[in-house]
Amino acid sequence: MPQAAPIHGRNRQRPPTETEKEAHAFYTSARWRKLRAAHLQAKPLCVECLRDSRYTPATQVDHRIPRAVDRSKQLDPANLDSLCASHHSRKTRRAQLGIS
């Protein structure tokens, strides 16, 4: 007899941690959304791609000094870089693995 497919979705997820709740509140705040939009408008190309003379539209705004390291710089325009999704994913993965 065939088995039923496993149940997926919201009911099976663990509750968010306090850190995740705080990050969600920050990234959905009006101040961050406004700063992010202004940053991408002023610097629309990925800074990493530009180093290789490639002109790739940036879709992500990244904190040079991560919010977890120094919250005082989380809204500092000088602490932001425009990145394409590929470079942002690579940077995030390297940080998760502890690779500098």
C-alpha atoms as a PDB file:
ATOM      1  CA  MET A   1       0.000   0.000   0.000  1.00  0.00           C
ATOM      2  CA  PRO A   2       1.441   3.451  -0.919  1.00  0.00           C
ATOM      3  CA  GLN A   3       2.398   5.779   1.883  1.00  0.00           C
ATOM      4  CA  ALA A   4       1.030   9.296   2.170  1.00  0.00           C
ATOM      5  CA  ALA A   5       3.338  12.119   1.163  1.00  0.00           C
ATOM      6  CA  PRO A   6       5.022  13.919   4.063  1.00  0.00           C
ATOM      7  CA  ILE A   7       3.355  17.081   5.266  1.00  0.00           C
ATOM      8  CA  HIS A   8       5.245  20.269   4.434  1.00  0.00           C
ATOM      9  CA  GLY A   9       4.636  23.916   5.121  1.00  0.00           C
ATOM     10  CA  ARG A  10       4.207  26.329   7.958  1.00  0.00           C
ATOM     11  CA  ASN A  11       2.831  23.808  10.469  1.00  0.00           C
ATOM     12  CA  ARG A  12       6.102  21.868  10.460  1.00  0.00           C
ATOM     13  CA  GLN A  13       8.483  24.814  10.884  1.00  0.00           C
ATOM     14  CA  ARG A  14      10.211  25.600  14.144  1.00  0.00           C
ATOM     15  CA  PRO A  15       9.323  28.913  15.766  1.00  0.00           C
ATOM     16  CA  PRO A  16      11.685  31.797  14.933  1.00  0.00           C
ATOM     17  CA  THR A  17      14.439  32.640  17.387  1.00  0.00           C
ATOM     18  CA  GLU A  18      14.624  36.064  19.021  1.00  0.00           C
ATOM     19  CA  THR A  19      17.538  36.934  16.716  1.00  0.00           C
ATOM     20  CA  GLU A  20      15.467  35.982  13.656  1.00  0.00           C
ATOM     21  CA  LYS A  21      12.507  38.019  14.919  1.00  0.00           C
ATOM     22  CA  GLU A  22      14.737  41.062  15.408  1.00  0.00           C
ATOM     23  CA  ALA A  23      16.325  40.659  11.964  1.00  0.00           C
ATOM     24  CA  HIS A  24      12.872  40.383  10.364  1.00  0.00           C
ATOM     25  CA  ALA A  25      11.728  43.543  12.172  1.00  0.00           C
ATOM     26  CA  PHE A  26      14.822  45.412  10.969  1.00  0.00           C
ATOM     27  CA  TYR A  27      14.675  44.287   7.330  1.00  0.00           C
ATOM     28  CA  THR A  28      10.966  45.076   7.069  1.00  0.00           C
ATOM     29  CA  SER A  29      11.271  48.490   8.755  1.00  0.00           C
ATOM     30  CA  ALA A  30      10.481  51.623   6.779  1.00  0.00           C
ATOM     31  CA  ARG A  31      13.897  53.108   7.621  1.00  0.00           C
ATOM     32  CA  TRP A  32      15.765  50.116   6.142  1.00  0.00           C
ATOM     33  CA  ARG A  33      13.525  49.850   3.062  1.00  0.00           C
ATOM     34  CA  LYS A  34      13.995  53.569   2.339  1.00  0.00           C
ATOM     35  CA  LEU A  35      17.785  53.435   2.846  1.00  0.00           C
ATOM     36  CA  ARG A  36      18.059  50.263   0.753  1.00  0.00           C
ATOM     37  CA  ALA A  37      16.084  51.765  -2.134  1.00  0.00           C
ATOM     38  CA  ALA A  38      18.137  54.978  -2.062  1.00  0.00           C
ATOM     39  CA  HIS A  39      21.377  52.980  -1.959  1.00  0.00           C
ATOM     40  CA  LEU A  40      20.428  50.820  -4.950  1.00  0.00           C
ATOM     41  CA  GLN A  41      19.337  53.897  -6.882  1.00  0.00           C
ATOM     42  CA  ALA A  42      22.643  55.672  -6.195  1.00  0.00           C
ATOM     43  CA  LYS A  43      24.790  52.544  -6.711  1.00  0.00           C
ATOM     44  CA  PRO A  44      22.865  50.219  -9.033  1.00  0.00           C
ATOM     45  CA  LEU A  45      25.748  47.913 -10.014  1.00  0.00           C
ATOM     46  CA  CYS A  46      27.351  45.053  -8.091  1.00  0.00           C
ATOM     47  CA  VAL A  47      30.651  46.254  -6.609  1.00  0.00           C
ATOM     48  CA  GLU A  48      32.202  42.779  -6.890  1.00  0.00           C
ATOM     49  CA  CYS A  49      31.291  42.425 -10.569  1.00  0.00           C
ATOM     50  CA  LEU A  50      32.670  45.913 -11.264  1.00  0.00           C
ATOM     51  CA  ARG A  51      36.071  44.747  -9.962  1.00  0.00           C
ATOM     52  CA  ASP A  52      36.064  42.275 -12.864  1.00  0.00           C
ATOM     53  CA  SER A  53      34.816  44.914 -15.355  1.00  0.00           C
ATOM     54  CA  ARG A  54      31.360  43.321 -15.477  1.00  0.00           C
ATOM     55  CA  TYR A  55      28.222  45.453 -15.303  1.00  0.00           C
ATOM     56  CA  THR A  56      25.699  43.451 -13.319  1.00  0.00           C
ATOM     57  CA  PRO A  57      22.656  45.073 -11.708  1.00  0.00           C
ATOM     58  CA  ALA A  58      22.724  44.895  -7.931  1.00  0.00           C
ATOM     59  CA  THR A  59      19.686  43.388  -6.262  1.00  0.00           C
ATOM     60  CA  GLN A  60      20.987  43.187  -2.699  1.00  0.00           C
ATOM     61  CA  VAL A  61      22.348  45.712  -0.212  1.00  0.00           C
ATOM     62  CA  ASP A  62      24.946  44.150   2.057  1.00  0.00           C
ATOM     63  CA  HIS A  63      26.405  45.336   5.353  1.00  0.00           C
ATOM     64  CA  ARG A  64      30.220  45.466   5.137  1.00  0.00           C
ATOM     65  CA  ILE A  65      30.370  45.124   8.907  1.00  0.00           C
ATOM     66  CA  PRO A  66      27.558  42.688   9.727  1.00  0.00           C
ATOM     67  CA  ARG A  67      24.694  43.839  11.924  1.00  0.00           C
ATOM     68  CA  ALA A  68      25.528  41.050  14.370  1.00  0.00           C
ATOM     69  CA  VAL A  69      29.001  42.544  14.860  1.00  0.00           C
ATOM     70  CA  ASP A  70      28.078  46.242  15.176  1.00  0.00           C
ATOM     71  CA  ARG A  71      24.436  47.330  15.272  1.00  0.00           C
ATOM     72  CA  SER A  72      25.455  51.004  15.413  1.00  0.00           C
ATOM     73  CA  LYS A  73      26.436  50.770  11.720  1.00  0.00           C
ATOM     74  CA  GLN A  74      23.283  49.025  10.471  1.00  0.00           C
ATOM     75  CA  LEU A  75      21.861  52.241   8.949  1.00  0.00           C
ATOM     76  CA  ASP A  76      25.206  53.863   8.079  1.00  0.00           C
ATOM     77  CA  PRO A  77      25.334  54.387   4.288  1.00  0.00           C
ATOM     78  CA  ALA A  78      29.147  54.064   4.392  1.00  0.00           C
ATOM     79  CA  ASN A  79      28.702  50.498   5.700  1.00  0.00           C
ATOM     80  CA  LEU A  80      26.674  49.318   2.691  1.00  0.00           C
ATOM     81  CA  ASP A  81      27.638  47.637  -0.576  1.00  0.00           C
ATOM     82  CA  SER A  82      25.511  46.910  -3.622  1.00  0.00           C
ATOM     83  CA  LEU A  83      25.770  43.264  -4.670  1.00  0.00           C
ATOM     84  CA  CYS A  84      24.188  40.979  -7.230  1.00  0.00           C
ATOM     85  CA  ALA A  85      22.353  37.951  -5.840  1.00  0.00           C
ATOM     86  CA  SER A  86      25.226  35.628  -6.740  1.00  0.00           C
ATOM     87  CA  HIS A  87      27.888  37.637  -4.911  1.00  0.00           C
ATOM     88  CA  HIS A  88      25.602  38.225  -1.924  1.00  0.00           C
ATOM     89  CA  SER A  89      24.931  34.487  -1.638  1.00  0.00           C
ATOM     90  CA  ARG A  90      28.646  33.714  -1.842  1.00  0.00           C
ATOM     91  CA  LYS A  91      29.496  36.292   0.829  1.00  0.00           C
ATOM     92  CA  THR A  92      26.744  35.048   3.118  1.00  0.00           C
ATOM     93  CA  ARG A  93      27.804  31.414   2.698  1.00  0.00           C
ATOM     94  CA  ARG A  94      31.451  32.222   3.400  1.00  0.00           C
ATOM     95  CA  ALA A  95      30.419  34.078   6.571  1.00  0.00           C
ATOM     96  CA  GLN A  96      28.295  31.117   7.683  1.00  0.00           C
ATOM     97  CA  LEU A  97      31.271  28.803   7.193  1.00  0.00           C
ATOM     98  CA  GLY A  98      33.653  31.195   8.970  1.00  0.00           C
ATOM     99  CA  ILE A  99      35.735  31.849   5.847  1.00  0.00           C
ATOM    100  CA  SER A 100      37.038  35.384   5.430  1.00  0.00           C
END
